[in-house]
Structure formats: C-alpha cells, structure tokens
C-alpha atoms as a PDB file:
ATOM      1  CA  UNK A   1      58.132 161.861 100.082  1.00  0.00           C
ATOM      2  CA  UNK A   2      60.338 164.937 100.375  1.00  0.00           C
ATOM      3  CA  UNK A   3      63.394 165.466  98.276  1.00  0.00           C
ATOM      4  CA  UNK A   4      65.622 165.065 101.344  1.00  0.00           C
ATOM      5  CA  UNK A   5      64.015 161.749 102.340  1.00  0.00           C
ATOM      6  CA  UNK A   6      64.443 160.475  98.870  1.00  0.00           C
ATOM      7  CA  UNK A   7      67.987 161.381  98.715  1.00  0.00           C
ATOM      8  CA  UNK A   8      68.691 159.778 102.088  1.00  0.00           C
ATOM      9  CA  UNK A   9      66.972 156.643 101.019  1.00  0.00           C
ATOM     10  CA  UNK A  10      69.136 156.592  97.806  1.00  0.00           C
ATOM     11  CA  UNK A  11      72.312 157.304  99.730  1.00  0.00           C
ATOM     12  CA  UNK A  12      71.499 154.469 102.185  1.00  0.00           C
ATOM     13  CA  UNK A  13      70.700 152.120  99.348  1.00  0.00           C
ATOM     14  CA  UNK A  14      74.126 153.181  97.633  1.00  0.00           C
ATOM     15  CA  UNK A  15      75.910 152.555 100.904  1.00  0.00           C
ATOM     16  CA  UNK A  16      74.255 149.256 101.525  1.00  0.00           C
ATOM     17  CA  UNK A  17      74.954 148.104  97.940  1.00  0.00           C
ATOM     18  CA  UNK A  18      78.535 149.235  98.386  1.00  0.00           C
ATOM     19  CA  UNK A  19      78.866 147.244 101.670  1.00  0.00           C
ATOM     20  CA  UNK A  20      77.272 144.314  99.983  1.00  0.00           C
ATOM     21  CA  UNK A  21      79.765 144.325  97.030  1.00  0.00           C
ATOM     22  CA  UNK A  22      82.556 144.665  99.511  1.00  0.00           C
ATOM     23  CA  UNK A  23      81.366 141.705 101.602  1.00  0.00           C
ATOM     24  CA  UNK A  24      80.685 139.651  98.509  1.00  0.00           C
ATOM     25  CA  UNK A  25      84.251 140.420  97.111  1.00  0.00           C
ATOM     26  CA  UNK A  26      85.640 139.665 100.473  1.00  0.00           C
ATOM     27  CA  UNK A  27      83.810 136.236 100.491  1.00  0.00           C
ATOM     28  CA  UNK A  28      85.121 135.584  97.004  1.00  0.00           C
ATOM     29  CA  UNK A  29      88.767 136.589  98.000  1.00  0.00           C
ATOM     30  CA  UNK A  30      88.491 134.274 101.143  1.00  0.00           C
ATOM     31  CA  UNK A  31      87.267 131.321  98.963  1.00  0.00           C
ATOM     32  CA  UNK A  32      90.268 131.944  96.729  1.00  0.00           C
ATOM     33  CA  UNK A  33      92.484 132.217  99.772  1.00  0.00           C
ATOM     34  CA  UNK A  34      91.180 128.761 100.967  1.00  0.00           C
ATOM     35  CA  UNK A  35      91.994 127.149  97.437  1.00  0.00           C
ATOM     36  CA  UNK A  36      95.427 128.824  97.367  1.00  0.00           C
ATOM     37  CA  UNK A  37      96.234 127.633 100.943  1.00  0.00           C
ATOM     38  CA  UNK A  38      94.956 124.206 100.196  1.00  0.00           C
ATOM     39  CA  UNK A  39      97.027 123.928  97.112  1.00  0.00           C
ATOM     40  CA  UNK A  40     100.145 125.099  99.124  1.00  0.00           C
ATOM     41  CA  UNK A  41      99.457 122.469 101.872  1.00  0.00           C
ATOM     42  CA  UNK A  42      99.017 119.769  99.280  1.00  0.00           C
ATOM     43  CA  UNK A  43     102.217 120.561  97.463  1.00  0.00           C
ATOM     44  CA  UNK A  44     104.089 120.847 100.733  1.00  0.00           C
ATOM     45  CA  UNK A  45     102.626 117.593 102.091  1.00  0.00           C
ATOM     46  CA  UNK A  46     103.401 115.774  98.863  1.00  0.00           C
ATOM     47  CA  UNK A  47     106.989 117.004  98.879  1.00  0.00           C
ATOM     48  CA  UNK A  48     107.410 115.902 102.506  1.00  0.00           C
ATOM     49  CA  UNK A  49     105.946 112.526 101.731  1.00  0.00           C
ATOM     50  CA  UNK A  50     108.203 111.916  98.658  1.00  0.00           C
ATOM     51  CA  UNK A  51     111.281 112.881 100.799  1.00  0.00           C
ATOM     52  CA  UNK A  52     110.174 110.684 103.615  1.00  0.00           C
ATOM     53  CA  UNK A  53     109.508 107.869 101.154  1.00  0.00           C
ATOM     54  CA  UNK A  54     112.975 108.247  99.709  1.00  0.00           C
ATOM     55  CA  UNK A  55     114.612 108.281 103.120  1.00  0.00           C
ATOM     56  CA  UNK A  56     112.632 105.337 104.220  1.00  0.00           C
ATOM     57  CA  UNK A  57     113.480 103.379 101.162  1.00  0.00           C
ATOM     58  CA  UNK A  58     117.198 103.578 102.042  1.00  0.00           C
ATOM     59  CA  UNK A  59     116.599 102.618 105.655  1.00  0.00           C
ATOM     60  CA  UNK A  60     116.595  99.146 107.099  1.00  0.00           C
ATOM     61  CA  UNK A  61     112.976  98.771 107.806  1.00  0.00           C
ATOM     62  CA  UNK A  62     110.835  95.869 108.759  1.00  0.00           C
ATOM     63  CA  UNK A  63     109.337  95.603 105.254  1.00  0.00           C
ATOM     64  CA  UNK A  64     112.826  95.559 103.537  1.00  0.00           C
ATOM     65  CA  UNK A  65     114.053  93.094 106.076  1.00  0.00           C
ATOM     66  CA  UNK A  66     111.132  90.750 105.448  1.00  0.00           C
ATOM     67  CA  UNK A  67     111.452  91.102 101.720  1.00  0.00           C
ATOM     68  CA  UNK A  68     115.224  90.254 101.944  1.00  0.00           C
ATOM     69  CA  UNK A  69     114.516  87.259 104.108  1.00  0.00           C
ATOM     70  CA  UNK A  70     111.762  86.010 101.761  1.00  0.00           C
ATOM     71  CA  UNK A  71     114.091  86.258  98.746  1.00  0.00           C
ATOM     72  CA  UNK A  72     116.864  84.476 100.674  1.00  0.00           C
ATOM     73  CA  UNK A  73     114.401  81.738 101.682  1.00  0.00           C
ATOM     74  CA  UNK A  74     113.092  81.503  98.026  1.00  0.00           C
ATOM     75  CA  UNK A  75     116.681  81.131  96.613  1.00  0.00           C
ATOM     76  CA  UNK A  76     117.545  78.623  99.278  1.00  0.00           C
ATOM     77  CA  UNK A  77     114.310  76.515  98.644  1.00  0.00           C
ATOM     78  CA  UNK A  78     114.916  76.745  94.736  1.00  0.00           C
ATOM     79  CA  UNK A  79     118.624  75.556  95.228  1.00  0.00           C
ATOM     80  CA  UNK A  80     117.327  72.652  97.421  1.00  0.00           C
ATOM     81  CA  UNK A  81     114.700  71.480  95.002  1.00  0.00           C
ATOM     82  CA  UNK A  82     117.122  71.808  92.115  1.00  0.00           C
ATOM     83  CA  UNK A  83     119.736  69.637  93.914  1.00  0.00           C
ATOM     84  CA  UNK A  84     117.064  67.109  94.966  1.00  0.00           C
ATOM     85  CA  UNK A  85     115.576  66.848  91.448  1.00  0.00           C
ATOM     86  CA  UNK A  86     119.136  66.791  89.916  1.00  0.00           C
ATOM     87  CA  UNK A  87     120.106  63.943  92.284  1.00  0.00           C
ATOM     88  CA  UNK A  88     116.924  61.972  91.628  1.00  0.00           C
ATOM     89  CA  UNK A  89     117.353  62.355  87.885  1.00  0.00           C
ATOM     90  CA  UNK A  90     120.976  61.255  88.232  1.00  0.00           C
ATOM     91  CA  UNK A  91     120.003  58.086  90.093  1.00  0.00           C
ATOM     92  CA  UNK A  92     117.404  57.316  87.395  1.00  0.00           C
ATOM     93  CA  UNK A  93     120.246  57.663  84.867  1.00  0.00           C
ATOM     94  CA  UNK A  94     119.000  60.757  83.121  1.00  0.00           C
ATOM     95  CA  UNK A  95     122.039  62.966  82.043  1.00  0.00           C
ATOM     96  CA  UNK A  96     122.549  66.394  83.331  1.00  0.00           C
ATOM     97  CA  UNK A  97     122.799  69.651  81.206  1.00  0.00           C
ATOM     98  CA  UNK A  98     126.555  69.494  81.032  1.00  0.00           C
ATOM     99  CA  UNK A  99     126.514  65.837  79.918  1.00  0.00           C
ATOM    100  CA  UNK A 100     123.925  66.486  77.321  1.00  0.00           C
ATOM    101  CA  UNK A 101     126.035  69.475  76.118  1.00  0.00           C
ATOM    102  CA  UNK A 102     129.081  67.111  75.850  1.00  0.00           C
ATOM    103  CA  UNK A 103     127.098  64.509  73.918  1.00  0.00           C
ATOM    104  CA  UNK A 104     125.783  67.269  71.527  1.00  0.00           C
ATOM    105  CA  UNK A 105     129.287  68.369  70.926  1.00  0.00           C
ATOM    106  CA  UNK A 106     130.471  64.759  70.304  1.00  0.00           C
ATOM    107  CA  UNK A 107     127.716  64.138  67.850  1.00  0.00           C
ATOM    108  CA  UNK A 108     128.359  67.300  66.064  1.00  0.00           C
ATOM    109  CA  UNK A 109     132.136  66.148  65.639  1.00  0.00           C
ATOM    110  CA  UNK A 110     131.217  62.751  64.528  1.00  0.00           C
ATOM    111  CA  UNK A 111     128.664  64.196  61.942  1.00  0.00           C
ATOM    112  CA  UNK A 112     131.490  66.450  60.542  1.00  0.00           C
ATOM    113  CA  UNK A 113     133.775  63.327  60.174  1.00  0.00           C
ATOM    114  CA  UNK A 114     131.064  61.278  58.538  1.00  0.00           C
ATOM    115  CA  UNK A 115     130.401  64.162  56.121  1.00  0.00           C
ATOM    116  CA  UNK A 116     134.024  64.486  55.247  1.00  0.00           C
ATOM    117  CA  UNK A 117     134.375  60.650  54.696  1.00  0.00           C
ATOM    118  CA  UNK A 118     131.279  60.701  52.328  1.00  0.00           C
ATOM    119  CA  UNK A 119     132.708  63.598  50.398  1.00  0.00           C
ATOM    120  CA  UNK A 120     135.906  61.854  49.957  1.00  0.00           C
ATOM    121  CA  UNK A 121     134.437  58.778  48.179  1.00  0.00           C
END
C-alpha cells in the first residue's frame, strides 16, 4: 500500500470510530433520558393520584355511603340485640348493671357499718 492509501484508511477508521463513539454516547444519553422521563412521569402521576385520593376521600362517594350505612346498621343491630337480651334477662330476674352497682354500693356501706360496730366492742 502506498502512504496515501494507508493515511486514507487510517483517517476513515478514525472518522468511523468517532462516529461510533458519538452514536454510542447518544444511545447512552437517550437511555438516561428515558429513565429521567419515566422518573418524572412516575412522580407526577403519584402526586396526581395522592391529590385525587385526598379529594375523593372528602367527597360523598358510593364507598363512603355504603360504609356509613353499614355502620348505622351495625349500631342499630347492636342496640336491638342489647335491648332484647336486657329484656330477657330482666324477665328472668337477672339484675342489670345499674342494679348491680347499687347493690355493690349498699354492701360496701353495710360492710363499713359492721366494721365500725366490731371496732367499738
């Protein structure tokens, strides 16, 4: 090969190498751009979802309506069961909570009187 041909081949190889390096770098930068864009989109979408969730939480929505109705029904059922059980126990002669507290208080008063009388002897 002649010197000119060798120099031409070397110059072509350098040019091709430079172009490959630029292309490789551009591919790398494009990949970073994809990651950065995806990161931005995820953050934006996350923020939008949080904001929408907060707004939805305060709205009257079917879920909150159903939950409220279920709570109301549960309270009503509990009250009805308590009244029914209380009435049944009352008919059977079982004292209720207030009657038991009154009895406890009376027993405590009587115990104090007995203790005083015993101490006075």
